[in-house]
Amino acid sequence: MMSDSLIEKIERLPAILSIQETAAFFSVHYLTIYRQIRMEKLAAWKDDEGSWCIARDDIKRYCQKNSNQ
């Protein structure tokens, strides 16, 4: 179960984040986020310019599955 403070932090995020923004949120290197996407643990897609996009709702789902708070 996620803590209320984590839920609030997620809700303040933009609707769509880049890999770098997601990495900053989790305080990890961007390659860690990229690996999670490649391993299909974190949902993401590429936009028309080829940049990875991650939806706030997918970050929330990821946290629900992997949170120890």
PDB file of N, CA and C in Angstrom:
ATOM      1  N   MET A   1       0.839  -1.182   0.000  1.00  0.00           N
ATOM      2  CA  MET A   1       0.000   0.000   0.000  1.00  0.00           C
ATOM      3  C   MET A   1       0.884   1.245   0.000  1.00  0.00           C
ATOM      4  N   MET A   2       0.517   2.184  -0.829  1.00  0.00           N
ATOM      5  CA  MET A   2       1.287   3.418  -0.932  1.00  0.00           C
ATOM      6  C   MET A   2       0.881   4.395   0.169  1.00  0.00           C
ATOM      7  N   SER A   3       1.861   5.161   0.619  1.00  0.00           N
ATOM      8  CA  SER A   3       1.575   6.175   1.633  1.00  0.00           C
ATOM      9  C   SER A   3       0.830   7.344   0.994  1.00  0.00           C
ATOM     10  N   ASP A   4       0.139   8.089   1.825  1.00  0.00           N
ATOM     11  CA  ASP A   4      -0.596   9.257   1.335  1.00  0.00           C
ATOM     12  C   ASP A   4       0.356  10.290   0.742  1.00  0.00           C
ATOM     13  N   SER A   5       1.527  10.445   1.345  1.00  0.00           N
ATOM     14  CA  SER A   5       2.480  11.435   0.828  1.00  0.00           C
ATOM     15  C   SER A   5       2.990  11.045  -0.559  1.00  0.00           C
ATOM     16  N   LEU A   6       3.198   9.757  -0.804  1.00  0.00           N
ATOM     17  CA  LEU A   6       3.627   9.309  -2.126  1.00  0.00           C
ATOM     18  C   LEU A   6       2.529   9.536  -3.149  1.00  0.00           C
ATOM     19  N   ILE A   7       1.319   9.253  -2.781  1.00  0.00           N
ATOM     20  CA  ILE A   7       0.184   9.477  -3.682  1.00  0.00           C
ATOM     21  C   ILE A   7       0.095  10.961  -4.040  1.00  0.00           C
ATOM     22  N   GLU A   8       0.269  11.835  -3.058  1.00  0.00           N
ATOM     23  CA  GLU A   8       0.224  13.276  -3.310  1.00  0.00           C
ATOM     24  C   GLU A   8       1.339  13.707  -4.249  1.00  0.00           C
ATOM     25  N   LYS A   9       2.547  13.166  -4.054  1.00  0.00           N
ATOM     26  CA  LYS A   9       3.676  13.509  -4.919  1.00  0.00           C
ATOM     27  C   LYS A   9       3.412  13.080  -6.360  1.00  0.00           C
ATOM     28  N   ILE A  10       2.837  11.900  -6.513  1.00  0.00           N
ATOM     29  CA  ILE A  10       2.529  11.404  -7.860  1.00  0.00           C
ATOM     30  C   ILE A  10       1.472  12.287  -8.509  1.00  0.00           C
ATOM     31  N   GLU A  11       0.461  12.680  -7.760  1.00  0.00           N
ATOM     32  CA  GLU A  11      -0.623  13.502  -8.317  1.00  0.00           C
ATOM     33  C   GLU A  11      -0.136  14.882  -8.760  1.00  0.00           C
ATOM     34  N   ARG A  12       0.973  15.364  -8.197  1.00  0.00           N
ATOM     35  CA  ARG A  12       1.521  16.663  -8.590  1.00  0.00           C
ATOM     36  C   ARG A  12       2.399  16.585  -9.835  1.00  0.00           C
ATOM     37  N   LEU A  13       2.676  15.388 -10.310  1.00  0.00           N
ATOM     38  CA  LEU A  13       3.494  15.225 -11.506  1.00  0.00           C
ATOM     39  C   LEU A  13       2.714  15.645 -12.752  1.00  0.00           C
ATOM     40  N   PRO A  14       3.431  16.005 -13.829  1.00  0.00           N
ATOM     41  CA  PRO A  14       2.739  16.256 -15.100  1.00  0.00           C
ATOM     42  C   PRO A  14       2.063  14.973 -15.592  1.00  0.00           C
ATOM     43  N   ALA A  15       1.108  15.104 -16.482  1.00  0.00           N
ATOM     44  CA  ALA A  15       0.369  13.945 -16.996  1.00  0.00           C
ATOM     45  C   ALA A  15       1.279  12.983 -17.748  1.00  0.00           C
ATOM     46  N   ILE A  16       2.278  13.515 -18.442  1.00  0.00           N
ATOM     47  CA  ILE A  16       3.225  12.687 -19.205  1.00  0.00           C
ATOM     48  C   ILE A  16       4.639  13.133 -18.870  1.00  0.00           C
ATOM     49  N   LEU A  17       5.496  12.161 -18.561  1.00  0.00           N
ATOM     50  CA  LEU A  17       6.876  12.450 -18.184  1.00  0.00           C
ATOM     51  C   LEU A  17       7.848  11.778 -19.136  1.00  0.00           C
ATOM     52  N   SER A  18       9.037  12.334 -19.218  1.00  0.00           N
ATOM     53  CA  SER A  18      10.122  11.711 -19.973  1.00  0.00           C
ATOM     54  C   SER A  18      10.846  10.719 -19.067  1.00  0.00           C
ATOM     55  N   ILE A  19      11.766   9.973 -19.647  1.00  0.00           N
ATOM     56  CA  ILE A  19      12.582   9.063 -18.836  1.00  0.00           C
ATOM     57  C   ILE A  19      13.373   9.856 -17.805  1.00  0.00           C
ATOM     58  N   GLN A  20      13.940  10.986 -18.201  1.00  0.00           N
ATOM     59  CA  GLN A  20      14.747  11.792 -17.295  1.00  0.00           C
ATOM     60  C   GLN A  20      13.910  12.345 -16.137  1.00  0.00           C
ATOM     61  N   GLU A  21      12.698  12.795 -16.430  1.00  0.00           N
ATOM     62  CA  GLU A  21      11.816  13.300 -15.373  1.00  0.00           C
ATOM     63  C   GLU A  21      11.403  12.184 -14.423  1.00  0.00           C
ATOM     64  N   THR A  22      11.133  11.015 -14.972  1.00  0.00           N
ATOM     65  CA  THR A  22      10.762   9.871 -14.146  1.00  0.00           C
ATOM     66  C   THR A  22      11.932   9.451 -13.276  1.00  0.00           C
ATOM     67  N   ALA A  23      13.129   9.444 -13.834  1.00  0.00           N
ATOM     68  CA  ALA A  23      14.328   9.101 -13.065  1.00  0.00           C
ATOM     69  C   ALA A  23      14.543  10.096 -11.928  1.00  0.00           C
ATOM     70  N   ALA A  24      14.324  11.370 -12.194  1.00  0.00           N
ATOM     71  CA  ALA A  24      14.458  12.385 -11.152  1.00  0.00           C
ATOM     72  C   ALA A  24      13.429  12.159 -10.040  1.00  0.00           C
ATOM     73  N   PHE A  25      12.210  11.801 -10.409  1.00  0.00           N
ATOM     74  CA  PHE A  25      11.171  11.533  -9.409  1.00  0.00           C
ATOM     75  C   PHE A  25      11.581  10.394  -8.489  1.00  0.00           C
ATOM     76  N   PHE A  26      12.125   9.318  -9.068  1.00  0.00           N
ATOM     77  CA  PHE A  26      12.523   8.151  -8.278  1.00  0.00           C
ATOM     78  C   PHE A  26      13.932   8.271  -7.708  1.00  0.00           C
ATOM     79  N   SER A  27      14.654   9.325  -8.069  1.00  0.00           N
ATOM     80  CA  SER A  27      16.048   9.537  -7.636  1.00  0.00           C
ATOM     81  C   SER A  27      16.942   8.379  -8.058  1.00  0.00           C
ATOM     82  N   VAL A  28      16.828   8.008  -9.331  1.00  0.00           N
ATOM     83  CA  VAL A  28      17.659   6.947  -9.904  1.00  0.00           C
ATOM     84  C   VAL A  28      18.236   7.448 -11.223  1.00  0.00           C
ATOM     85  N   HIS A  29      19.180   6.713 -11.762  1.00  0.00           N
ATOM     86  CA  HIS A  29      19.766   7.038 -13.063  1.00  0.00           C
ATOM     87  C   HIS A  29      18.744   6.735 -14.149  1.00  0.00           C
ATOM     88  N   TYR A  30      18.792   7.511 -15.232  1.00  0.00           N
ATOM     89  CA  TYR A  30      17.795   7.317 -16.305  1.00  0.00           C
ATOM     90  C   TYR A  30      17.861   5.915 -16.910  1.00  0.00           C
ATOM     91  N   LEU A  31      19.033   5.287 -16.878  1.00  0.00           N
ATOM     92  CA  LEU A  31      19.135   3.931 -17.422  1.00  0.00           C
ATOM     93  C   LEU A  31      18.329   2.921 -16.602  1.00  0.00           C
ATOM     94  N   THR A  32      18.155   3.185 -15.331  1.00  0.00           N
ATOM     95  CA  THR A  32      17.325   2.320 -14.492  1.00  0.00           C
ATOM     96  C   THR A  32      15.880   2.347 -14.988  1.00  0.00           C
ATOM     97  N   ILE A  33      15.382   3.529 -15.307  1.00  0.00           N
ATOM     98  CA  ILE A  33      14.021   3.648 -15.837  1.00  0.00           C
ATOM     99  C   ILE A  33      13.929   2.976 -17.199  1.00  0.00           C
ATOM    100  N   TYR A  34      14.931   3.197 -18.031  1.00  0.00           N
ATOM    101  CA  TYR A  34      14.955   2.570 -19.356  1.00  0.00           C
ATOM    102  C   TYR A  34      14.902   1.042 -19.225  1.00  0.00           C
ATOM    103  N   ARG A  35      15.664   0.489 -18.285  1.00  0.00           N
ATOM    104  CA  ARG A  35      15.648  -0.971 -18.065  1.00  0.00           C
ATOM    105  C   ARG A  35      14.272  -1.449 -17.627  1.00  0.00           C
ATOM    106  N   GLN A  36      13.616  -0.688 -16.757  1.00  0.00           N
ATOM    107  CA  GLN A  36      12.280  -1.069 -16.307  1.00  0.00           C
ATOM    108  C   GLN A  36      11.287  -1.086 -17.472  1.00  0.00           C
ATOM    109  N   ILE A  37      11.460  -0.145 -18.395  1.00  0.00           N
ATOM    110  CA  ILE A  37      10.606  -0.113 -19.592  1.00  0.00           C
ATOM    111  C   ILE A  37      10.905  -1.328 -20.464  1.00  0.00           C
ATOM    112  N   ARG A  38      12.165  -1.593 -20.728  1.00  0.00           N
ATOM    113  CA  ARG A  38      12.555  -2.715 -21.591  1.00  0.00           C
ATOM    114  C   ARG A  38      12.128  -4.059 -21.002  1.00  0.00           C
ATOM    115  N   MET A  39      12.135  -4.156 -19.664  1.00  0.00           N
ATOM    116  CA  MET A  39      11.708  -5.387 -18.991  1.00  0.00           C
ATOM    117  C   MET A  39      10.183  -5.451 -18.850  1.00  0.00           C
ATOM    118  N   GLU A  40       9.491  -4.438 -19.391  1.00  0.00           N
ATOM    119  CA  GLU A  40       8.027  -4.336 -19.372  1.00  0.00           C
ATOM    120  C   GLU A  40       7.459  -4.275 -17.958  1.00  0.00           C
ATOM    121  N   LYS A  41       8.215  -3.694 -17.035  1.00  0.00           N
ATOM    122  CA  LYS A  41       7.724  -3.481 -15.674  1.00  0.00           C
ATOM    123  C   LYS A  41       7.083  -2.103 -15.532  1.00  0.00           C
ATOM    124  N   LEU A  42       7.482  -1.181 -16.414  1.00  0.00           N
ATOM    125  CA  LEU A  42       6.935   0.166 -16.427  1.00  0.00           C
ATOM    126  C   LEU A  42       6.462   0.465 -17.843  1.00  0.00           C
ATOM    127  N   ALA A  43       5.182   0.781 -17.961  1.00  0.00           N
ATOM    128  CA  ALA A  43       4.602   1.042 -19.284  1.00  0.00           C
ATOM    129  C   ALA A  43       5.093   2.386 -19.818  1.00  0.00           C
ATOM    130  N   ALA A  44       5.388   2.431 -21.117  1.00  0.00           N
ATOM    131  CA  ALA A  44       5.838   3.661 -21.777  1.00  0.00           C
ATOM    132  C   ALA A  44       5.652   3.503 -23.280  1.00  0.00           C
ATOM    133  N   TRP A  45       5.733   4.613 -23.981  1.00  0.00           N
ATOM    134  CA  TRP A  45       5.637   4.599 -25.439  1.00  0.00           C
ATOM    135  C   TRP A  45       6.530   5.692 -25.983  1.00  0.00           C
ATOM    136  N   LYS A  46       6.806   5.610 -27.280  1.00  0.00           N
ATOM    137  CA  LYS A  46       7.598   6.633 -27.943  1.00  0.00           C
ATOM    138  C   LYS A  46       6.668   7.587 -28.684  1.00  0.00           C
ATOM    139  N   ASP A  47       6.973   8.880 -28.579  1.00  0.00           N
ATOM    140  CA  ASP A  47       6.182   9.873 -29.302  1.00  0.00           C
ATOM    141  C   ASP A  47       6.673   9.994 -30.743  1.00  0.00           C
ATOM    142  N   ASP A  48       6.120  10.945 -31.469  1.00  0.00           N
ATOM    143  CA  ASP A  48       6.462  11.112 -32.884  1.00  0.00           C
ATOM    144  C   ASP A  48       7.934  11.443 -33.114  1.00  0.00           C
ATOM    145  N   GLU A  49       8.576  12.075 -32.131  1.00  0.00           N
ATOM    146  CA  GLU A  49       9.997  12.414 -32.252  1.00  0.00           C
ATOM    147  C   GLU A  49      10.915  11.289 -31.772  1.00  0.00           C
ATOM    148  N   GLY A  50      10.339  10.203 -31.275  1.00  0.00           N
ATOM    149  CA  GLY A  50      11.135   9.075 -30.816  1.00  0.00           C
ATOM    150  C   GLY A  50      11.540   9.137 -29.351  1.00  0.00           C
ATOM    151  N   SER A  51      10.974  10.085 -28.596  1.00  0.00           N
ATOM    152  CA  SER A  51      11.273  10.202 -27.163  1.00  0.00           C
ATOM    153  C   SER A  51      10.313   9.323 -26.365  1.00  0.00           C
ATOM    154  N   TRP A  52      10.849   8.714 -25.316  1.00  0.00           N
ATOM    155  CA  TRP A  52      10.006   7.893 -24.453  1.00  0.00           C
ATOM    156  C   TRP A  52       9.069   8.766 -23.635  1.00  0.00           C
ATOM    157  N   CYS A  53       7.831   8.332 -23.481  1.00  0.00           N
ATOM    158  CA  CYS A  53       6.810   9.022 -22.692  1.00  0.00           C
ATOM    159  C   CYS A  53       6.251   8.045 -21.665  1.00  0.00           C
ATOM    160  N   ILE A  54       6.074   8.537 -20.442  1.00  0.00           N
ATOM    161  CA  ILE A  54       5.549   7.711 -19.361  1.00  0.00           C
ATOM    162  C   ILE A  54       4.385   8.461 -18.728  1.00  0.00           C
ATOM    163  N   ALA A  55       3.235   7.838 -18.677  1.00  0.00           N
ATOM    164  CA  ALA A  55       2.041   8.478 -18.115  1.00  0.00           C
ATOM    165  C   ALA A  55       2.101   8.448 -16.587  1.00  0.00           C
ATOM    166  N   ARG A  56       1.592   9.508 -15.988  1.00  0.00           N
ATOM    167  CA  ARG A  56       1.529   9.591 -14.525  1.00  0.00           C
ATOM    168  C   ARG A  56       0.780   8.391 -13.949  1.00  0.00           C
ATOM    169  N   ASP A  57      -0.298   7.967 -14.605  1.00  0.00           N
ATOM    170  CA  ASP A  57      -1.063   6.811 -14.114  1.00  0.00           C
ATOM    171  C   ASP A  57      -0.230   5.533 -14.145  1.00  0.00           C
ATOM    172  N   ASP A  58       0.659   5.409 -15.131  1.00  0.00           N
ATOM    173  CA  ASP A  58       1.528   4.232 -15.190  1.00  0.00           C
ATOM    174  C   ASP A  58       2.567   4.265 -14.076  1.00  0.00           C
ATOM    175  N   ILE A  59       3.026   5.451 -13.709  1.00  0.00           N
ATOM    176  CA  ILE A  59       3.939   5.571 -12.568  1.00  0.00           C
ATOM    177  C   ILE A  59       3.208   5.166 -11.288  1.00  0.00           C
ATOM    178  N   LYS A  60       1.969   5.583 -11.170  1.00  0.00           N
ATOM    179  CA  LYS A  60       1.165   5.227  -9.997  1.00  0.00           C
ATOM    180  C   LYS A  60       0.989   3.705  -9.915  1.00  0.00           C
ATOM    181  N   ARG A  61       0.671   3.071 -11.048  1.00  0.00           N
ATOM    182  CA  ARG A  61       0.521   1.608 -11.066  1.00  0.00           C
ATOM    183  C   ARG A  61       1.836   0.915 -10.700  1.00  0.00           C
ATOM    184  N   TYR A  62       2.927   1.425 -11.236  1.00  0.00           N
ATOM    185  CA  TYR A  62       4.247   0.867 -10.939  1.00  0.00           C
ATOM    186  C   TYR A  62       4.533   0.957  -9.439  1.00  0.00           C
ATOM    187  N   CYS A  63       4.226   2.087  -8.845  1.00  0.00           N
ATOM    188  CA  CYS A  63       4.458   2.259  -7.416  1.00  0.00           C
ATOM    189  C   CYS A  63       3.565   1.339  -6.582  1.00  0.00           C
ATOM    190  N   GLN A  64       2.331   1.162  -7.008  1.00  0.00           N
ATOM    191  CA  GLN A  64       1.418   0.281  -6.282  1.00  0.00           C
ATOM    192  C   GLN A  64       1.940  -1.154  -6.266  1.00  0.00           C
ATOM    193  N   LYS A  65       2.518  -1.583  -7.385  1.00  0.00           N
ATOM    194  CA  LYS A  65       3.044  -2.939  -7.469  1.00  0.00           C
ATOM    195  C   LYS A  65       4.362  -3.105  -6.717  1.00  0.00           C
ATOM    196  N   ASN A  66       5.163  -2.040  -6.662  1.00  0.00           N
ATOM    197  CA  ASN A  66       6.523  -2.166  -6.160  1.00  0.00           C
ATOM    198  C   ASN A  66       6.802  -1.394  -4.870  1.00  0.00           C
ATOM    199  N   SER A  67       5.794  -0.770  -4.301  1.00  0.00           N
ATOM    200  CA  SER A  67       6.018   0.056  -3.113  1.00  0.00           C
ATOM    201  C   SER A  67       6.093  -0.782  -1.851  1.00  0.00           C
ATOM    202  N   ASN A  68       7.002  -0.365  -0.975  1.00  0.00           N
ATOM    203  CA  ASN A  68       7.081  -1.024   0.340  1.00  0.00           C
ATOM    204  C   ASN A  68       6.641  -0.059   1.428  1.00  0.00           C
ATOM    205  N   GLN A  69       5.989   1.024   1.042  1.00  0.00           N
ATOM    206  CA  GLN A  69       5.504   2.003   2.023  1.00  0.00           C
ATOM    207  C   GLN A  69       4.073   1.728   2.373  1.00  0.00           C
TER     208      GLN A  69
END
